[in-house]
N, C-alpha and C. Protein backbone atom coordinates (compact mmCIF):
# COMPACT_ATOMS: atom_id res chain seq x y z
N MET A 1 79.94 -14.39 75.55
CA MET A 1 79.04 -13.96 75.87
C MET A 1 78.17 -14.71 74.72
N VAL A 2 76.88 -15.58 74.51
CA VAL A 2 76.41 -16.05 73.56
C VAL A 2 75.10 -14.94 73.72
N LYS A 3 75.24 -14.86 72.29
CA LYS A 3 73.67 -13.91 71.88
C LYS A 3 72.64 -14.18 71.39
N LYS A 4 71.32 -14.07 72.26
CA LYS A 4 69.64 -14.20 71.79
C LYS A 4 69.65 -14.02 70.97
N MET A 5 68.97 -15.25 70.12
CA MET A 5 68.33 -14.98 68.77
C MET A 5 66.74 -14.67 69.16
N SER A 6 66.77 -13.51 68.23
CA SER A 6 64.93 -13.40 68.59
C SER A 6 63.83 -14.48 68.26
N LEU A 7 62.73 -14.33 68.41
CA LEU A 7 61.98 -15.61 68.40
C LEU A 7 61.75 -16.17 67.12
N GLU A 8 61.61 -14.97 66.15
CA GLU A 8 61.37 -15.29 65.10
C GLU A 8 62.69 -16.12 63.99
N LYS A 9 64.19 -15.80 64.61
CA LYS A 9 64.99 -16.14 64.22
C LYS A 9 65.66 -17.72 64.27
N SER A 10 64.89 -18.28 65.60
CA SER A 10 64.86 -18.70 66.67
C SER A 10 64.04 -20.03 65.60
N PHE A 11 62.59 -19.66 65.28
CA PHE A 11 61.28 -20.29 64.29
C PHE A 11 62.48 -20.77 63.25
N GLU A 12 63.09 -19.87 62.63
CA GLU A 12 63.45 -19.62 61.29
C GLU A 12 64.81 -21.37 61.41
N LYS A 13 66.02 -20.65 62.77
CA LYS A 13 66.51 -22.15 62.80
C LYS A 13 66.27 -23.38 63.08
N LEU A 14 65.08 -23.15 63.95
CA LEU A 14 64.34 -24.74 63.89
C LEU A 14 64.52 -25.29 62.76
N GLU A 15 63.43 -24.48 61.13
CA GLU A 15 62.88 -24.56 60.48
C GLU A 15 63.69 -25.50 59.77
N GLU A 16 65.58 -24.81 59.82
CA GLU A 16 66.17 -25.49 58.98
C GLU A 16 66.66 -26.58 59.52
N ILE A 17 66.85 -26.69 61.05
CA ILE A 17 67.25 -27.71 61.66
C ILE A 17 66.04 -28.75 60.78
N VAL A 18 64.68 -28.81 61.13
CA VAL A 18 63.96 -30.24 60.94
C VAL A 18 64.51 -30.24 59.02
N LYS A 19 64.29 -29.69 58.86
CA LYS A 19 64.54 -30.04 56.88
C LYS A 19 65.99 -30.60 56.78
N LYS A 20 66.74 -30.24 57.73
CA LYS A 20 68.30 -31.29 57.42
C LYS A 20 67.98 -32.25 58.53
N LEU A 21 67.07 -32.40 59.19
CA LEU A 21 66.94 -33.89 59.77
C LEU A 21 66.13 -34.60 58.92
N GLU A 22 64.72 -33.86 58.13
CA GLU A 22 63.95 -35.17 57.30
C GLU A 22 64.96 -35.28 56.38
N SER A 23 65.73 -35.07 56.09
CA SER A 23 66.62 -35.45 54.32
C SER A 23 67.21 -36.14 54.68
N GLY A 24 67.40 -36.46 55.32
CA GLY A 24 68.65 -37.98 55.99
C GLY A 24 69.61 -37.87 55.04
N ASP A 25 70.29 -36.63 54.71
CA ASP A 25 71.67 -36.44 54.26
C ASP A 25 72.71 -36.19 55.20
N GLU A 26 72.52 -35.74 56.68
CA GLU A 26 73.75 -35.71 57.66
C GLU A 26 73.91 -37.15 58.31
N SER A 27 75.25 -37.29 58.68
CA SER A 27 75.78 -38.31 59.39
C SER A 27 74.92 -38.52 60.97
N LEU A 28 75.05 -39.73 61.58
CA LEU A 28 74.59 -40.40 63.04
C LEU A 28 74.85 -38.99 63.73
N GLU A 29 75.99 -38.24 64.09
CA GLU A 29 76.71 -37.90 64.50
C GLU A 29 76.17 -36.09 64.61
N LYS A 30 76.22 -35.76 63.02
CA LYS A 30 75.70 -34.55 62.74
C LYS A 30 74.27 -34.28 63.36
N SER A 31 73.33 -35.71 63.05
CA SER A 31 72.18 -35.28 63.04
C SER A 31 71.83 -35.59 64.41
N LEU A 32 72.84 -35.76 65.71
CA LEU A 32 72.20 -35.86 67.17
C LEU A 32 72.75 -34.56 67.76
N LYS A 33 74.04 -34.06 67.00
CA LYS A 33 73.83 -32.41 66.96
C LYS A 33 73.09 -31.67 66.85
N LEU A 34 72.58 -31.94 65.76
CA LEU A 34 71.37 -30.76 65.15
C LEU A 34 70.23 -31.11 66.12
N PHE A 35 69.96 -32.40 66.21
CA PHE A 35 68.59 -33.28 67.11
C PHE A 35 68.77 -32.18 68.35
N GLU A 36 70.10 -31.51 69.55
CA GLU A 36 70.31 -31.19 70.19
C GLU A 36 69.94 -29.80 70.54
N GLN A 37 70.60 -29.07 69.15
CA GLN A 37 70.59 -27.89 69.18
C GLN A 37 69.07 -27.04 68.75
N GLY A 38 68.39 -28.24 68.17
CA GLY A 38 67.52 -27.72 67.76
C GLY A 38 66.12 -27.60 69.57
N VAL A 39 66.18 -28.76 70.15
CA VAL A 39 65.95 -28.92 71.47
C VAL A 39 66.29 -27.90 72.32
N ASN A 40 67.28 -27.55 72.35
CA ASN A 40 67.67 -26.28 72.63
C ASN A 40 66.92 -25.14 72.34
N ILE A 41 67.09 -25.02 71.45
CA ILE A 41 66.31 -23.33 70.31
C ILE A 41 64.79 -23.69 70.82
N SER A 42 64.04 -24.45 70.62
CA SER A 42 62.51 -25.06 71.22
C SER A 42 62.93 -24.44 72.99
N ASP A 43 63.19 -24.68 73.85
CA ASP A 43 63.48 -24.72 75.21
C ASP A 43 63.30 -22.81 75.52
N GLU A 44 64.22 -22.92 74.35
CA GLU A 44 64.24 -21.48 74.63
C GLU A 44 63.14 -20.36 73.80
N CYS A 45 62.48 -20.74 72.29
CA CYS A 45 61.07 -20.28 72.08
C CYS A 45 60.74 -20.59 73.41
N GLN A 46 60.34 -21.87 74.08
CA GLN A 46 58.68 -21.64 75.17
C GLN A 46 59.38 -21.19 75.99
N LYS A 47 60.28 -20.80 76.70
CA LYS A 47 60.80 -19.10 77.54
C LYS A 47 60.32 -18.20 77.14
N SER A 48 60.24 -17.72 75.95
CA SER A 48 60.07 -16.94 75.38
C SER A 48 58.90 -16.64 75.08
N LEU A 49 58.33 -17.63 74.61
CA LEU A 49 56.95 -17.34 74.30
C LEU A 49 55.78 -17.28 75.69
N GLU A 50 56.46 -17.87 76.75
CA GLU A 50 56.08 -17.43 78.39
C GLU A 50 56.02 -16.30 78.95
N ASP A 51 57.21 -16.25 78.18
CA ASP A 51 57.79 -14.79 79.04
C ASP A 51 56.53 -13.69 78.32
N LEU A 52 56.17 -13.59 77.04
CA LEU A 52 55.59 -12.69 76.20
C LEU A 52 54.22 -13.15 76.76
N GLU A 53 53.51 -14.02 77.06
CA GLU A 53 52.85 -14.36 77.98
C GLU A 53 52.12 -13.38 78.52
N ASN A 54 53.01 -13.31 79.48
CA ASN A 54 53.01 -12.87 81.31
C ASN A 54 52.68 -12.02 80.80
N ARG A 55 53.56 -10.94 80.13
CA ARG A 55 53.53 -9.66 79.22
C ARG A 55 52.45 -9.22 78.93
N VAL A 56 51.75 -9.70 78.40
CA VAL A 56 50.79 -10.02 77.72
C VAL A 56 49.37 -9.75 78.70
N LYS A 57 49.42 -10.52 79.79
CA LYS A 57 48.83 -10.25 81.35
C LYS A 57 49.09 -9.34 81.73
N ILE A 58 49.71 -8.97 82.21
CA ILE A 58 49.96 -7.36 83.27
C ILE A 58 49.72 -6.30 82.29
N ILE A 59 49.73 -6.25 81.09
CA ILE A 59 48.86 -4.94 80.52
C ILE A 59 47.72 -5.18 80.05
N SER A 60 46.90 -6.46 80.18
CA SER A 60 45.73 -6.77 80.30
C SER A 60 45.14 -6.09 81.66
N ASN A 61 45.62 -6.44 82.52
CA ASN A 61 45.50 -6.73 84.09
C ASN A 61 45.26 -4.65 84.39
N ASN A 62 46.52 -4.45 83.71
CA ASN A 62 46.66 -2.86 84.01
C ASN A 62 45.61 -2.36 82.95
N ARG A 63 45.46 -2.23 82.08
CA ARG A 63 44.66 -1.99 81.72
C ARG A 63 43.04 -2.17 82.27
N GLU A 64 42.34 -3.42 82.41
CA GLU A 64 41.00 -3.37 83.54
C GLU A 64 41.22 -3.03 85.01
N ILE A 65 42.61 -2.50 85.01
CA ILE A 65 42.63 -1.32 86.57
C ILE A 65 42.36 -0.75 86.12
N ARG A 66 42.58 0.13 85.12
CA ARG A 66 42.40 1.40 84.33
C ARG A 66 40.83 1.95 84.34
N PHE A 67 40.64 1.21 83.82
CA PHE A 67 39.11 1.27 83.41
C PHE A 67 37.93 1.42 84.72
N LYS A 68 38.51 0.53 85.53
CA LYS A 68 37.38 0.20 86.63
C LYS A 68 37.97 1.63 87.82
N ASP A 69 38.72 2.17 87.21
CA ASP A 69 38.89 3.44 87.88
C ASP A 69 38.41 4.23 87.72
N ILE A 70 38.14 4.78 86.40
CA ILE A 70 37.41 5.52 85.76
C ILE A 70 35.37 4.91 86.16
N ASP A 71 34.95 4.09 86.45
CA ASP A 71 34.40 3.67 86.85
C ASP A 71 33.64 4.75 88.63
């Protein structure tokens, strides 16, 4: 089972990958593997951000409902 990285760690890993790719020091094959890894991490980050956004919306909606109940 692959352990999921925290969002912060994922961003750090993406930065590391970008630096390696921008350096031009890696072979074509290694660059392709890094690019693929970066795309996968980016997809995971996007999903995590969408999940967090949904949680914020739920919390905000619950708060609005509580305040409406008080009125």
